[in-house]
Amino acid sequence: MKVKPHMTKKRGVKSRTSSSVANGQSVYVVGLISDTHGLVRPEIAQAFDAVDLIVHAGDVGGRGVLEALRRIAPTEAVYGNVDDPSDPFLARERTLPIGRLTLHVSHGHELGSPSADLVLARYAGDVLVFGHTHRSLVERRGGRLVVNPGAAGPRRFDVRPSVARLTVEGTRVDVEIVPL
């Protein structure tokens, strides 16, 4: 799936129109989410308002989650350790072009205890997204960005549920962790 430039939703209309070009470059906004475990919190719709794409890093917890996310924006997802690997809507990993960059997403359970070091060593891409730990993380190394948006599902451990918003303009990438 090729991501189209940032779109803004017209009030009262379900269509979207391209509106964001900065410095002659298209701007892409991607919602990052993981570890929903079957729960779609109402705050997610606001956190992902006007995103071009949602990328789910696994432990989805059922097709209803994907259906709810697709009502917000097109959604790409991978399976995690609680998902069915044979689900046709979930891949083991995905590599997606986002403007001039490449985003790679996998759940991270395939690495045991995933960390930025392990993800950087295993996968190619400009932006690497994973989940599994339920803890948000943003690290930049050698021109690459590693993001774990945290867990958006039922509260576990001592962490607040969260998602992330990724903004890509040319080769510049910004990310914001959004507490829910």
N, C-alpha and C. Protein backbone atom coordinates (compact mmCIF):
# COMPACT_ATOMS: atom_id res chain seq x y z
N MET A 1 0.84 -1.17 0.00
CA MET A 1 0.00 0.00 0.00
C MET A 1 0.89 1.23 0.00
N LYS A 2 0.69 2.11 -0.94
CA LYS A 2 1.41 3.38 -0.98
C LYS A 2 0.56 4.43 -0.27
N VAL A 3 1.19 5.16 0.63
CA VAL A 3 0.46 6.15 1.41
C VAL A 3 0.37 7.45 0.64
N LYS A 4 -0.83 8.00 0.59
CA LYS A 4 -1.05 9.28 -0.08
C LYS A 4 -0.68 10.42 0.87
N PRO A 5 -0.44 11.61 0.33
CA PRO A 5 -0.10 12.75 1.19
C PRO A 5 -1.16 13.00 2.25
N HIS A 6 -0.74 13.69 3.31
CA HIS A 6 -1.62 14.00 4.44
C HIS A 6 -2.95 14.54 3.97
N MET A 7 -3.98 14.04 4.55
CA MET A 7 -5.34 14.42 4.19
C MET A 7 -6.01 15.00 5.42
N THR A 8 -6.89 15.93 5.19
CA THR A 8 -7.70 16.43 6.30
C THR A 8 -9.15 16.12 6.00
N LYS A 9 -9.84 15.69 7.03
CA LYS A 9 -11.23 15.32 6.86
C LYS A 9 -12.09 16.58 6.86
N LYS A 10 -12.97 16.68 5.86
CA LYS A 10 -13.89 17.80 5.82
C LYS A 10 -14.97 17.58 6.86
N ARG A 11 -15.29 18.62 7.60
CA ARG A 11 -16.30 18.53 8.63
C ARG A 11 -17.63 18.13 8.00
N GLY A 12 -18.21 17.06 8.56
CA GLY A 12 -19.51 16.60 8.09
C GLY A 12 -19.48 15.81 6.80
N VAL A 13 -18.29 15.56 6.26
CA VAL A 13 -18.17 14.82 5.01
C VAL A 13 -17.19 13.68 5.24
N LYS A 14 -17.49 12.52 4.73
CA LYS A 14 -16.61 11.38 4.94
C LYS A 14 -15.44 11.35 3.97
N SER A 15 -15.43 12.19 2.97
CA SER A 15 -14.31 12.20 2.03
C SER A 15 -13.15 12.99 2.61
N ARG A 16 -11.97 12.77 2.07
CA ARG A 16 -10.78 13.49 2.53
C ARG A 16 -10.16 14.18 1.33
N THR A 17 -9.56 15.32 1.57
CA THR A 17 -8.90 16.04 0.49
C THR A 17 -7.48 16.33 0.88
N SER A 18 -6.58 16.21 -0.09
CA SER A 18 -5.18 16.49 0.19
C SER A 18 -5.00 17.96 0.49
N SER A 19 -4.33 18.28 1.60
CA SER A 19 -4.21 19.68 1.94
C SER A 19 -2.87 20.06 2.53
N SER A 20 -2.01 19.12 2.77
CA SER A 20 -0.81 19.46 3.50
C SER A 20 0.44 19.29 2.65
N VAL A 21 1.00 20.40 2.25
CA VAL A 21 2.28 20.42 1.56
C VAL A 21 3.10 21.49 2.23
N ALA A 22 4.27 21.11 2.73
CA ALA A 22 5.15 22.05 3.41
C ALA A 22 6.48 22.09 2.67
N ASN A 23 6.97 23.27 2.41
CA ASN A 23 8.25 23.42 1.71
C ASN A 23 8.29 22.62 0.41
N GLY A 24 7.17 22.55 -0.28
CA GLY A 24 7.11 21.85 -1.55
C GLY A 24 7.11 20.33 -1.42
N GLN A 25 7.02 19.80 -0.20
CA GLN A 25 7.02 18.36 0.01
C GLN A 25 5.71 17.92 0.66
N SER A 26 5.24 16.75 0.26
CA SER A 26 4.04 16.21 0.88
C SER A 26 4.32 15.81 2.32
N VAL A 27 3.31 15.96 3.15
CA VAL A 27 3.40 15.57 4.55
C VAL A 27 2.48 14.37 4.76
N TYR A 28 3.01 13.34 5.40
CA TYR A 28 2.26 12.13 5.68
C TYR A 28 2.16 11.98 7.20
N VAL A 29 0.98 11.64 7.68
CA VAL A 29 0.78 11.41 9.10
C VAL A 29 0.28 9.98 9.28
N VAL A 30 0.99 9.24 10.13
CA VAL A 30 0.68 7.83 10.34
C VAL A 30 0.41 7.60 11.82
N GLY A 31 -0.70 6.95 12.12
CA GLY A 31 -1.00 6.56 13.49
C GLY A 31 -0.36 5.21 13.77
N LEU A 32 0.37 5.11 14.86
CA LEU A 32 1.01 3.86 15.27
C LEU A 32 0.33 3.35 16.53
N ILE A 33 -0.02 2.07 16.53
CA ILE A 33 -0.73 1.47 17.65
C ILE A 33 -0.27 0.04 17.82
N SER A 34 -0.35 -0.46 19.04
CA SER A 34 0.04 -1.84 19.30
C SER A 34 -0.69 -2.36 20.54
N ASP A 35 -0.69 -3.66 20.66
CA ASP A 35 -1.16 -4.32 21.88
C ASP A 35 -2.53 -3.83 22.35
N THR A 36 -3.48 -3.86 21.43
CA THR A 36 -4.86 -3.49 21.78
C THR A 36 -5.57 -4.63 22.51
N HIS A 37 -5.18 -5.86 22.26
CA HIS A 37 -5.75 -7.02 22.95
C HIS A 37 -7.28 -6.98 22.95
N GLY A 38 -7.86 -6.60 21.80
CA GLY A 38 -9.31 -6.61 21.64
C GLY A 38 -10.02 -5.35 22.08
N LEU A 39 -9.31 -4.36 22.60
CA LEU A 39 -9.94 -3.13 23.10
C LEU A 39 -9.60 -1.94 22.21
N VAL A 40 -10.63 -1.23 21.77
CA VAL A 40 -10.43 0.02 21.03
C VAL A 40 -10.97 1.14 21.93
N ARG A 41 -10.07 1.85 22.56
CA ARG A 41 -10.47 2.94 23.45
C ARG A 41 -11.06 4.09 22.64
N PRO A 42 -12.08 4.78 23.15
CA PRO A 42 -12.69 5.89 22.41
C PRO A 42 -11.69 7.01 22.11
N GLU A 43 -10.67 7.18 22.93
CA GLU A 43 -9.68 8.25 22.72
C GLU A 43 -8.84 8.04 21.46
N ILE A 44 -8.83 6.83 20.95
CA ILE A 44 -8.01 6.53 19.77
C ILE A 44 -8.49 7.33 18.56
N ALA A 45 -9.79 7.49 18.40
CA ALA A 45 -10.32 8.26 17.26
C ALA A 45 -9.79 9.68 17.27
N GLN A 46 -9.73 10.30 18.42
CA GLN A 46 -9.21 11.67 18.50
C GLN A 46 -7.69 11.68 18.29
N ALA A 47 -6.99 10.72 18.87
CA ALA A 47 -5.53 10.66 18.71
C ALA A 47 -5.14 10.47 17.25
N PHE A 48 -5.97 9.77 16.50
CA PHE A 48 -5.67 9.48 15.09
C PHE A 48 -6.48 10.35 14.13
N ASP A 49 -7.04 11.44 14.60
CA ASP A 49 -7.78 12.35 13.74
C ASP A 49 -6.90 12.81 12.58
N ALA A 50 -7.39 12.68 11.38
CA ALA A 50 -6.74 13.15 10.15
C ALA A 50 -5.45 12.42 9.79
N VAL A 51 -5.22 11.20 10.32
CA VAL A 51 -4.05 10.45 9.87
C VAL A 51 -4.34 9.86 8.49
N ASP A 52 -3.26 9.62 7.73
CA ASP A 52 -3.40 9.03 6.40
C ASP A 52 -3.48 7.52 6.46
N LEU A 53 -2.86 6.95 7.49
CA LEU A 53 -2.74 5.50 7.61
C LEU A 53 -2.57 5.16 9.09
N ILE A 54 -3.10 4.00 9.48
CA ILE A 54 -2.84 3.46 10.81
C ILE A 54 -2.04 2.19 10.64
N VAL A 55 -0.99 2.04 11.42
CA VAL A 55 -0.16 0.84 11.40
C VAL A 55 -0.27 0.20 12.78
N HIS A 56 -0.75 -1.04 12.81
CA HIS A 56 -0.93 -1.77 14.07
C HIS A 56 0.21 -2.79 14.19
N ALA A 57 0.97 -2.70 15.29
CA ALA A 57 2.14 -3.55 15.50
C ALA A 57 1.83 -4.83 16.28
N GLY A 58 0.64 -5.34 16.15
CA GLY A 58 0.34 -6.68 16.66
C GLY A 58 -0.26 -6.76 18.04
N ASP A 59 -0.69 -7.99 18.39
CA ASP A 59 -1.55 -8.28 19.52
C ASP A 59 -2.83 -7.46 19.36
N VAL A 60 -3.42 -7.64 18.17
CA VAL A 60 -4.64 -6.94 17.79
C VAL A 60 -5.80 -7.37 18.68
N GLY A 61 -6.01 -8.70 18.74
CA GLY A 61 -7.07 -9.22 19.60
C GLY A 61 -8.42 -9.35 18.93
N GLY A 62 -8.45 -9.45 17.63
CA GLY A 62 -9.71 -9.70 16.93
C GLY A 62 -9.96 -8.74 15.78
N ARG A 63 -10.75 -9.22 14.84
CA ARG A 63 -11.05 -8.46 13.65
C ARG A 63 -11.84 -7.19 13.93
N GLY A 64 -12.59 -7.18 15.01
CA GLY A 64 -13.36 -5.98 15.38
C GLY A 64 -12.47 -4.77 15.61
N VAL A 65 -11.27 -5.01 16.12
CA VAL A 65 -10.31 -3.92 16.32
C VAL A 65 -9.93 -3.32 14.98
N LEU A 66 -9.60 -4.18 14.02
CA LEU A 66 -9.22 -3.68 12.70
C LEU A 66 -10.37 -2.95 12.02
N GLU A 67 -11.58 -3.47 12.18
CA GLU A 67 -12.75 -2.80 11.59
C GLU A 67 -12.93 -1.40 12.18
N ALA A 68 -12.77 -1.28 13.49
CA ALA A 68 -12.92 0.03 14.15
C ALA A 68 -11.83 0.99 13.68
N LEU A 69 -10.60 0.50 13.56
CA LEU A 69 -9.50 1.36 13.10
C LEU A 69 -9.70 1.77 11.64
N ARG A 70 -10.21 0.87 10.82
CA ARG A 70 -10.45 1.19 9.39
C ARG A 70 -11.54 2.24 9.22
N ARG A 71 -12.39 2.41 10.21
CA ARG A 71 -13.38 3.49 10.14
C ARG A 71 -12.70 4.85 10.34
N ILE A 72 -11.52 4.86 10.93
CA ILE A 72 -10.76 6.09 11.14
C ILE A 72 -9.87 6.38 9.93
N ALA A 73 -9.14 5.36 9.45
CA ALA A 73 -8.21 5.52 8.33
C ALA A 73 -7.83 4.13 7.82
N PRO A 74 -7.30 4.05 6.58
CA PRO A 74 -6.80 2.75 6.11
C PRO A 74 -5.82 2.18 7.14
N THR A 75 -5.85 0.86 7.31
CA THR A 75 -5.07 0.23 8.37
C THR A 75 -4.29 -0.96 7.84
N GLU A 76 -3.02 -1.03 8.23
CA GLU A 76 -2.15 -2.17 7.96
C GLU A 76 -1.78 -2.76 9.31
N ALA A 77 -1.74 -4.10 9.41
CA ALA A 77 -1.48 -4.71 10.70
C ALA A 77 -0.64 -5.98 10.57
N VAL A 78 0.08 -6.28 11.64
CA VAL A 78 0.84 -7.52 11.75
C VAL A 78 0.29 -8.29 12.95
N TYR A 79 0.58 -9.60 12.98
CA TYR A 79 0.11 -10.38 14.12
C TYR A 79 1.15 -10.38 15.23
N GLY A 80 0.63 -10.51 16.44
CA GLY A 80 1.48 -10.64 17.62
C GLY A 80 1.28 -12.02 18.22
N ASN A 81 1.85 -12.25 19.37
CA ASN A 81 1.82 -13.56 19.99
C ASN A 81 0.42 -13.99 20.45
N VAL A 82 -0.54 -13.08 20.57
CA VAL A 82 -1.90 -13.48 20.95
C VAL A 82 -2.84 -13.59 19.73
N ASP A 83 -2.34 -13.26 18.54
CA ASP A 83 -3.16 -13.29 17.34
C ASP A 83 -2.98 -14.60 16.57
N ASP A 84 -3.90 -14.86 15.67
CA ASP A 84 -3.84 -16.05 14.82
C ASP A 84 -2.94 -15.75 13.62
N PRO A 85 -1.79 -16.42 13.51
CA PRO A 85 -0.88 -16.16 12.39
C PRO A 85 -1.49 -16.47 11.02
N SER A 86 -2.57 -17.26 10.99
CA SER A 86 -3.20 -17.58 9.71
C SER A 86 -4.29 -16.58 9.32
N ASP A 87 -4.52 -15.56 10.15
CA ASP A 87 -5.51 -14.53 9.83
C ASP A 87 -5.05 -13.80 8.57
N PRO A 88 -5.86 -13.79 7.51
CA PRO A 88 -5.43 -13.17 6.25
C PRO A 88 -5.25 -11.65 6.33
N PHE A 89 -5.76 -11.01 7.38
CA PHE A 89 -5.62 -9.56 7.52
C PHE A 89 -4.35 -9.17 8.28
N LEU A 90 -3.65 -10.17 8.80
CA LEU A 90 -2.45 -9.90 9.59
C LEU A 90 -1.24 -10.58 8.95
N ALA A 91 -0.16 -9.83 8.80
CA ALA A 91 1.08 -10.38 8.24
C ALA A 91 2.09 -10.57 9.37
N ARG A 92 3.13 -11.34 9.13
CA ARG A 92 4.20 -11.51 10.12
C ARG A 92 4.95 -10.20 10.29
N GLU A 93 5.17 -9.52 9.18
CA GLU A 93 5.80 -8.20 9.17
C GLU A 93 5.36 -7.48 7.91
N ARG A 94 5.50 -6.19 7.91
CA ARG A 94 5.15 -5.39 6.73
C ARG A 94 6.23 -4.33 6.53
N THR A 95 6.49 -4.04 5.25
CA THR A 95 7.36 -2.94 4.89
C THR A 95 6.55 -2.02 3.99
N LEU A 96 6.42 -0.76 4.41
CA LEU A 96 5.52 0.19 3.74
C LEU A 96 6.28 1.44 3.32
N PRO A 97 6.09 1.89 2.07
CA PRO A 97 6.66 3.19 1.69
C PRO A 97 5.81 4.31 2.27
N ILE A 98 6.47 5.24 2.95
CA ILE A 98 5.80 6.42 3.49
C ILE A 98 6.54 7.62 2.91
N GLY A 99 5.99 8.20 1.86
CA GLY A 99 6.70 9.28 1.17
C GLY A 99 8.02 8.76 0.63
N ARG A 100 9.12 9.40 1.02
CA ARG A 100 10.45 9.00 0.54
C ARG A 100 11.14 8.03 1.50
N LEU A 101 10.43 7.58 2.52
CA LEU A 101 11.02 6.69 3.52
C LEU A 101 10.35 5.32 3.50
N THR A 102 10.97 4.38 4.20
CA THR A 102 10.42 3.04 4.34
C THR A 102 10.16 2.76 5.81
N LEU A 103 8.95 2.27 6.11
CA LEU A 103 8.56 1.90 7.46
C LEU A 103 8.47 0.38 7.53
N HIS A 104 9.11 -0.21 8.51
CA HIS A 104 8.99 -1.66 8.75
C HIS A 104 8.29 -1.85 10.08
N VAL A 105 7.33 -2.79 10.13
CA VAL A 105 6.63 -3.10 11.37
C VAL A 105 6.58 -4.61 11.57
N SER A 106 6.87 -5.01 12.79
CA SER A 106 6.65 -6.38 13.26
C SER A 106 6.29 -6.27 14.73
N HIS A 107 5.74 -7.32 15.30
CA HIS A 107 5.31 -7.22 16.70
C HIS A 107 6.49 -7.16 17.67
N GLY A 108 7.51 -7.94 17.40
CA GLY A 108 8.67 -7.95 18.29
C GLY A 108 8.80 -9.23 19.09
N HIS A 109 7.72 -9.99 19.23
CA HIS A 109 7.80 -11.25 20.00
C HIS A 109 8.76 -12.24 19.36
N GLU A 110 8.99 -12.10 18.06
CA GLU A 110 9.91 -12.98 17.35
C GLU A 110 11.35 -12.77 17.80
N LEU A 111 11.60 -11.67 18.52
CA LEU A 111 12.94 -11.35 19.02
C LEU A 111 13.10 -11.72 20.50
N GLY A 112 12.09 -12.33 21.09
CA GLY A 112 12.14 -12.65 22.52
C GLY A 112 11.74 -11.43 23.32
N SER A 113 12.71 -10.72 23.85
CA SER A 113 12.49 -9.46 24.56
C SER A 113 13.00 -8.34 23.65
N PRO A 114 12.12 -7.77 22.82
CA PRO A 114 12.59 -6.80 21.83
C PRO A 114 13.13 -5.51 22.46
N SER A 115 14.13 -4.97 21.81
CA SER A 115 14.73 -3.70 22.21
C SER A 115 15.10 -2.95 20.94
N ALA A 116 15.43 -1.69 21.07
CA ALA A 116 15.85 -0.92 19.90
C ALA A 116 17.06 -1.58 19.24
N ASP A 117 18.02 -2.05 20.05
CA ASP A 117 19.21 -2.71 19.49
C ASP A 117 18.85 -3.92 18.65
N LEU A 118 17.98 -4.78 19.17
CA LEU A 118 17.61 -5.99 18.43
C LEU A 118 16.83 -5.67 17.16
N VAL A 119 15.92 -4.72 17.24
CA VAL A 119 15.12 -4.34 16.07
C VAL A 119 16.02 -3.74 14.99
N LEU A 120 16.93 -2.85 15.37
CA LEU A 120 17.86 -2.24 14.41
C LEU A 120 18.76 -3.29 13.76
N ALA A 121 19.19 -4.28 14.52
CA ALA A 121 20.07 -5.32 13.98
C ALA A 121 19.35 -6.27 13.03
N ARG A 122 18.06 -6.47 13.25
CA ARG A 122 17.32 -7.49 12.49
C ARG A 122 16.64 -6.96 11.23
N TYR A 123 16.16 -5.71 11.27
CA TYR A 123 15.30 -5.23 10.20
C TYR A 123 15.88 -4.01 9.48
N ALA A 124 15.54 -3.92 8.20
CA ALA A 124 15.91 -2.75 7.39
C ALA A 124 14.75 -1.78 7.39
N GLY A 125 15.04 -0.52 7.12
CA GLY A 125 14.00 0.50 7.04
C GLY A 125 14.47 1.77 7.70
N ASP A 126 13.84 2.86 7.32
CA ASP A 126 14.14 4.16 7.92
C ASP A 126 13.44 4.32 9.27
N VAL A 127 12.22 3.78 9.34
CA VAL A 127 11.42 3.83 10.56
C VAL A 127 11.06 2.38 10.90
N LEU A 128 11.42 1.95 12.10
CA LEU A 128 11.15 0.59 12.56
C LEU A 128 10.17 0.65 13.71
N VAL A 129 9.06 -0.07 13.58
CA VAL A 129 7.99 -0.03 14.57
C VAL A 129 7.80 -1.43 15.14
N PHE A 130 7.68 -1.51 16.46
CA PHE A 130 7.39 -2.79 17.10
C PHE A 130 6.53 -2.56 18.34
N GLY A 131 6.03 -3.64 18.91
CA GLY A 131 5.22 -3.59 20.11
C GLY A 131 5.73 -4.58 21.13
N HIS A 132 4.83 -5.39 21.67
CA HIS A 132 5.09 -6.51 22.56
C HIS A 132 5.46 -6.13 23.99
N THR A 133 6.26 -5.11 24.21
CA THR A 133 6.72 -4.77 25.55
C THR A 133 5.70 -3.96 26.35
N HIS A 134 4.74 -3.38 25.65
CA HIS A 134 3.72 -2.51 26.25
C HIS A 134 4.30 -1.18 26.73
N ARG A 135 5.54 -0.91 26.46
CA ARG A 135 6.21 0.32 26.91
C ARG A 135 6.60 1.16 25.69
N SER A 136 6.19 2.42 25.70
CA SER A 136 6.53 3.29 24.58
C SER A 136 8.04 3.56 24.56
N LEU A 137 8.55 3.75 23.35
CA LEU A 137 9.98 3.98 23.17
C LEU A 137 10.17 4.75 21.87
N VAL A 138 11.05 5.73 21.88
CA VAL A 138 11.44 6.46 20.67
C VAL A 138 12.96 6.61 20.74
N GLU A 139 13.66 6.04 19.76
CA GLU A 139 15.11 6.17 19.71
C GLU A 139 15.55 6.42 18.28
N ARG A 140 16.46 7.38 18.12
CA ARG A 140 17.06 7.68 16.82
C ARG A 140 18.51 7.22 16.84
N ARG A 141 18.88 6.48 15.81
CA ARG A 141 20.27 6.02 15.71
C ARG A 141 20.67 5.93 14.25
N GLY A 142 21.79 6.58 13.93
CA GLY A 142 22.34 6.48 12.58
C GLY A 142 21.37 6.82 11.49
N GLY A 143 20.55 7.82 11.70
CA GLY A 143 19.59 8.22 10.68
C GLY A 143 18.34 7.35 10.64
N ARG A 144 18.20 6.43 11.57
CA ARG A 144 17.02 5.56 11.63
C ARG A 144 16.25 5.86 12.91
N LEU A 145 14.95 5.59 12.86
CA LEU A 145 14.06 5.84 13.99
C LEU A 145 13.42 4.53 14.40
N VAL A 146 13.45 4.23 15.70
CA VAL A 146 12.78 3.05 16.25
C VAL A 146 11.68 3.54 17.17
N VAL A 147 10.45 3.00 16.96
CA VAL A 147 9.30 3.43 17.75
C VAL A 147 8.52 2.23 18.26
N ASN A 148 8.22 2.26 19.53
CA ASN A 148 7.22 1.38 20.12
C ASN A 148 6.15 2.33 20.65
N PRO A 149 4.94 2.26 20.09
CA PRO A 149 3.90 3.21 20.53
C PRO A 149 3.34 2.92 21.91
N GLY A 150 3.77 1.83 22.53
CA GLY A 150 3.21 1.43 23.81
C GLY A 150 1.96 0.59 23.58
N ALA A 151 1.27 0.25 24.62
CA ALA A 151 0.06 -0.58 24.53
C ALA A 151 -1.18 0.30 24.61
N ALA A 152 -2.11 0.08 23.68
CA ALA A 152 -3.35 0.86 23.66
C ALA A 152 -4.51 0.10 24.28
N GLY A 153 -4.30 -1.17 24.62
CA GLY A 153 -5.37 -2.00 25.13
C GLY A 153 -5.55 -1.91 26.63
N PRO A 154 -6.04 -3.00 27.22
CA PRO A 154 -6.27 -3.00 28.67
C PRO A 154 -4.98 -2.65 29.42
N ARG A 155 -5.13 -1.85 30.44
CA ARG A 155 -3.97 -1.41 31.22
C ARG A 155 -3.31 -2.60 31.89
N ARG A 156 -1.99 -2.69 31.71
CA ARG A 156 -1.20 -3.76 32.34
C ARG A 156 0.09 -3.15 32.85
N PHE A 157 0.68 -3.82 33.79
CA PHE A 157 1.94 -3.38 34.37
C PHE A 157 1.75 -1.98 34.98
N ASP A 158 2.78 -1.18 34.95
CA ASP A 158 2.71 0.16 35.54
C ASP A 158 2.78 1.24 34.46
N VAL A 159 2.23 0.95 33.29
CA VAL A 159 2.33 1.91 32.18
C VAL A 159 0.96 2.44 31.78
N ARG A 160 0.94 3.69 31.37
CA ARG A 160 -0.28 4.31 30.88
C ARG A 160 -0.47 3.92 29.41
N PRO A 161 -1.68 3.55 29.00
CA PRO A 161 -1.92 3.21 27.59
C PRO A 161 -1.54 4.39 26.69
N SER A 162 -1.03 4.07 25.49
CA SER A 162 -0.61 5.12 24.56
C SER A 162 -0.62 4.62 23.13
N VAL A 163 -0.56 5.58 22.21
CA VAL A 163 -0.36 5.36 20.78
C VAL A 163 0.69 6.38 20.35
N ALA A 164 1.00 6.42 19.05
CA ALA A 164 1.95 7.42 18.56
C ALA A 164 1.46 7.98 17.23
N ARG A 165 1.88 9.21 16.96
CA ARG A 165 1.63 9.88 15.67
C ARG A 165 2.99 10.15 15.03
N LEU A 166 3.15 9.64 13.82
CA LEU A 166 4.39 9.79 13.06
C LEU A 166 4.11 10.77 11.93
N THR A 167 4.94 11.80 11.80
CA THR A 167 4.79 12.78 10.72
C THR A 167 6.04 12.73 9.86
N VAL A 168 5.84 12.50 8.56
CA VAL A 168 6.94 12.39 7.60
C VAL A 168 6.81 13.51 6.59
N GLU A 169 7.89 14.28 6.46
CA GLU A 169 7.97 15.34 5.46
C GLU A 169 9.31 15.19 4.76
N GLY A 170 9.26 14.69 3.52
CA GLY A 170 10.51 14.39 2.81
C GLY A 170 11.24 13.27 3.53
N THR A 171 12.44 13.56 4.01
CA THR A 171 13.18 12.56 4.79
C THR A 171 13.19 12.91 6.28
N ARG A 172 12.45 13.92 6.67
CA ARG A 172 12.35 14.30 8.07
C ARG A 172 11.20 13.53 8.72
N VAL A 173 11.46 13.00 9.90
CA VAL A 173 10.45 12.23 10.62
C VAL A 173 10.35 12.75 12.05
N ASP A 174 9.14 13.03 12.48
CA ASP A 174 8.87 13.40 13.86
C ASP A 174 7.87 12.40 14.42
N VAL A 175 7.99 12.13 15.70
CA VAL A 175 7.05 11.20 16.33
C VAL A 175 6.65 11.77 17.69
N GLU A 176 5.38 11.55 18.01
CA GLU A 176 4.84 12.01 19.29
C GLU A 176 4.12 10.82 19.93
N ILE A 177 4.50 10.49 21.17
CA ILE A 177 3.77 9.49 21.93
C ILE A 177 2.55 10.20 22.53
N VAL A 178 1.37 9.62 22.31
CA VAL A 178 0.11 10.21 22.77
C VAL A 178 -0.49 9.35 23.86
N PRO A 179 -0.47 9.81 25.10
CA PRO A 179 -1.09 9.04 26.19
C PRO A 179 -2.60 8.99 25.99
N LEU A 180 -3.20 7.88 26.35
CA LEU A 180 -4.66 7.73 26.21
C LEU A 180 -5.32 7.84 27.58
